[in-house]
C-alpha atoms as a PDB file:
ATOM      1  CA  UNK A   1    -152.700 -25.323-181.754  1.00  0.00           C
ATOM      2  CA  UNK A   2    -154.197 -21.314-182.432  1.00  0.00           C
ATOM      3  CA  UNK A   3    -152.152 -18.961-184.077  1.00  0.00           C
ATOM      4  CA  UNK A   4    -153.777 -15.350-184.483  1.00  0.00           C
ATOM      5  CA  UNK A   5    -152.152 -12.958-186.301  1.00  0.00           C
ATOM      6  CA  UNK A   6    -152.050  -9.713-184.220  1.00  0.00           C
ATOM      7  CA  UNK A   7    -153.607  -6.701-185.859  1.00  0.00           C
ATOM      8  CA  UNK A   8    -149.766  -5.266-186.527  1.00  0.00           C
ATOM      9  CA  UNK A   9    -148.845  -8.582-187.837  1.00  0.00           C
ATOM     10  CA  UNK A  10    -151.608  -8.814-190.245  1.00  0.00           C
ATOM     11  CA  UNK A  11    -150.395  -5.325-191.818  1.00  0.00           C
ATOM     12  CA  UNK A  12    -148.103  -6.229-192.176  1.00  0.00           C
ATOM     13  CA  UNK A  13    -148.420  -9.661-194.782  1.00  0.00           C
ATOM     14  CA  UNK A  14    -150.821  -6.244-196.799  1.00  0.00           C
ATOM     15  CA  UNK A  15    -147.909  -4.401-196.859  1.00  0.00           C
ATOM     16  CA  UNK A  16    -145.686  -7.224-198.561  1.00  0.00           C
ATOM     17  CA  UNK A  17    -144.359  -7.049-202.324  1.00  0.00           C
ATOM     18  CA  UNK A  18    -143.445  -9.868-203.941  1.00  0.00           C
ATOM     19  CA  UNK A  19    -143.569 -10.626-207.125  1.00  0.00           C
ATOM     20  CA  UNK A  20    -145.382 -14.267-205.978  1.00  0.00           C
ATOM     21  CA  UNK A  21    -147.607 -13.437-204.381  1.00  0.00           C
ATOM     22  CA  UNK A  22    -149.813 -16.543-204.582  1.00  0.00           C
ATOM     23  CA  UNK A  23    -146.027 -18.915-203.718  1.00  0.00           C
ATOM     24  CA  UNK A  24    -145.503 -16.333-201.281  1.00  0.00           C
ATOM     25  CA  UNK A  25    -148.699 -17.496-199.400  1.00  0.00           C
ATOM     26  CA  UNK A  26    -148.392 -21.190-200.112  1.00  0.00           C
ATOM     27  CA  UNK A  27    -145.339 -20.980-198.806  1.00  0.00           C
ATOM     28  CA  UNK A  28    -146.658 -19.066-195.912  1.00  0.00           C
ATOM     29  CA  UNK A  29    -149.345 -21.389-195.145  1.00  0.00           C
ATOM     30  CA  UNK A  30    -147.091 -24.347-195.136  1.00  0.00           C
ATOM     31  CA  UNK A  31    -144.308 -22.550-192.431  1.00  0.00           C
ATOM     32  CA  UNK A  32    -146.878 -21.613-190.315  1.00  0.00           C
ATOM     33  CA  UNK A  33    -148.176 -25.149-190.659  1.00  0.00           C
ATOM     34  CA  UNK A  34    -145.191 -26.860-189.337  1.00  0.00           C
ATOM     35  CA  UNK A  35    -145.164 -23.719-186.990  1.00  0.00           C
ATOM     36  CA  UNK A  36    -148.843 -26.118-185.269  1.00  0.00           C
ATOM     37  CA  UNK A  37    -146.425 -28.675-185.093  1.00  0.00           C
ATOM     38  CA  UNK A  38    -143.284 -27.961-183.672  1.00  0.00           C
ATOM     39  CA  UNK A  39    -143.617 -24.564-182.504  1.00  0.00           C
ATOM     40  CA  UNK A  40    -139.937 -24.455-181.313  1.00  0.00           C
ATOM     41  CA  UNK A  41    -138.305 -24.631-184.692  1.00  0.00           C
ATOM     42  CA  UNK A  42    -137.690 -20.979-185.256  1.00  0.00           C
ATOM     43  CA  UNK A  43    -134.874 -19.484-184.309  1.00  0.00           C
ATOM     44  CA  UNK A  44    -134.995 -17.610-180.710  1.00  0.00           C
ATOM     45  CA  UNK A  45    -134.376 -13.569-181.268  1.00  0.00           C
ATOM     46  CA  UNK A  46    -131.486 -12.149-179.374  1.00  0.00           C
ATOM     47  CA  UNK A  47    -133.130  -8.843-179.593  1.00  0.00           C
ATOM     48  CA  UNK A  48    -136.535  -9.837-178.147  1.00  0.00           C
ATOM     49  CA  UNK A  49    -137.051 -13.138-175.858  1.00  0.00           C
ATOM     50  CA  UNK A  50    -139.888 -14.115-175.939  1.00  0.00           C
ATOM     51  CA  UNK A  51    -139.885 -13.972-179.410  1.00  0.00           C
ATOM     52  CA  UNK A  52    -138.497 -16.874-181.815  1.00  0.00           C
ATOM     53  CA  UNK A  53    -138.358 -16.626-185.601  1.00  0.00           C
ATOM     54  CA  UNK A  54    -138.794 -18.477-189.181  1.00  0.00           C
ATOM     55  CA  UNK A  55    -137.667 -17.274-192.537  1.00  0.00           C
ATOM     56  CA  UNK A  56    -140.290 -17.217-195.279  1.00  0.00           C
ATOM     57  CA  UNK A  57    -140.738 -16.923-199.172  1.00  0.00           C
ATOM     58  CA  UNK A  58    -138.867 -18.343-201.658  1.00  0.00           C
ATOM     59  CA  UNK A  59    -135.743 -16.489-201.365  1.00  0.00           C
ATOM     60  CA  UNK A  60    -136.256 -16.000-197.301  1.00  0.00           C
ATOM     61  CA  UNK A  61    -136.272 -12.652-197.270  1.00  0.00           C
ATOM     62  CA  UNK A  62    -138.895 -12.249-195.230  1.00  0.00           C
ATOM     63  CA  UNK A  63    -138.775 -13.446-191.349  1.00  0.00           C
ATOM     64  CA  UNK A  64    -141.832 -14.425-189.448  1.00  0.00           C
ATOM     65  CA  UNK A  65    -141.405 -13.552-186.339  1.00  0.00           C
ATOM     66  CA  UNK A  66    -144.332 -14.935-183.594  1.00  0.00           C
ATOM     67  CA  UNK A  67    -144.218 -16.272-179.427  1.00  0.00           C
ATOM     68  CA  UNK A  68    -145.448 -18.928-178.241  1.00  0.00           C
ATOM     69  CA  UNK A  69    -147.565 -21.083-175.046  1.00  0.00           C
ATOM     70  CA  UNK A  70    -148.710 -24.367-175.136  1.00  0.00           C
ATOM     71  CA  UNK A  71    -152.195 -23.484-176.730  1.00  0.00           C
ATOM     72  CA  UNK A  72    -151.422 -20.536-178.796  1.00  0.00           C
ATOM     73  CA  UNK A  73    -149.121 -19.612-181.682  1.00  0.00           C
ATOM     74  CA  UNK A  74    -149.005 -15.357-181.620  1.00  0.00           C
ATOM     75  CA  UNK A  75    -147.514 -13.444-184.835  1.00  0.00           C
ATOM     76  CA  UNK A  76    -146.177 -10.458-184.556  1.00  0.00           C
ATOM     77  CA  UNK A  77    -144.722  -8.891-187.127  1.00  0.00           C
ATOM     78  CA  UNK A  78    -143.458 -10.532-190.966  1.00  0.00           C
ATOM     79  CA  UNK A  79    -140.655  -8.190-191.476  1.00  0.00           C
ATOM     80  CA  UNK A  80    -138.663  -8.143-194.538  1.00  0.00           C
ATOM     81  CA  UNK A  81    -135.740  -8.905-193.602  1.00  0.00           C
ATOM     82  CA  UNK A  82    -133.691  -6.603-196.279  1.00  0.00           C
ATOM     83  CA  UNK A  83    -133.403  -3.726-193.779  1.00  0.00           C
ATOM     84  CA  UNK A  84    -131.470  -1.678-191.597  1.00  0.00           C
ATOM     85  CA  UNK A  85    -131.072  -4.324-188.321  1.00  0.00           C
ATOM     86  CA  UNK A  86    -131.736  -1.494-186.257  1.00  0.00           C
ATOM     87  CA  UNK A  87    -135.061  -1.453-187.420  1.00  0.00           C
ATOM     88  CA  UNK A  88    -136.391  -4.868-186.874  1.00  0.00           C
ATOM     89  CA  UNK A  89    -134.797  -4.724-183.394  1.00  0.00           C
ATOM     90  CA  UNK A  90    -136.997  -1.819-182.480  1.00  0.00           C
ATOM     91  CA  UNK A  91    -139.795  -2.889-184.613  1.00  0.00           C
ATOM     92  CA  UNK A  92    -139.453  -6.519-182.444  1.00  0.00           C
ATOM     93  CA  UNK A  93    -138.949  -4.932-178.941  1.00  0.00           C
ATOM     94  CA  UNK A  94    -142.639  -3.046-179.755  1.00  0.00           C
ATOM     95  CA  UNK A  95    -144.292  -6.088-180.509  1.00  0.00           C
ATOM     96  CA  UNK A  96    -143.751  -7.696-177.751  1.00  0.00           C
ATOM     97  CA  UNK A  97    -146.130 -10.956-177.393  1.00  0.00           C
ATOM     98  CA  UNK A  98    -148.413 -10.847-174.042  1.00  0.00           C
ATOM     99  CA  UNK A  99    -148.121 -14.219-173.863  1.00  0.00           C
END
């Protein structure tokens, strides 16, 4: 299954702040590998019905948000979850996948 990152999600990744960047990248790679096999493993997001979320990173402070079809997973956001939930909802509503 193909995994694509939207431009916004790629920017999110470049802006991640972590004390262990290599460990975070490895955790993210592991999560993406699991998603290829189990695309419905993420929790559905109430604020954005076409988006699912998995937690990534050692402390699970980041959420990887994605939409999927039978052929493709579209990563739409990588968000630090330690912020106002209304901000997260706004971001996700703006980034609904076109799947």
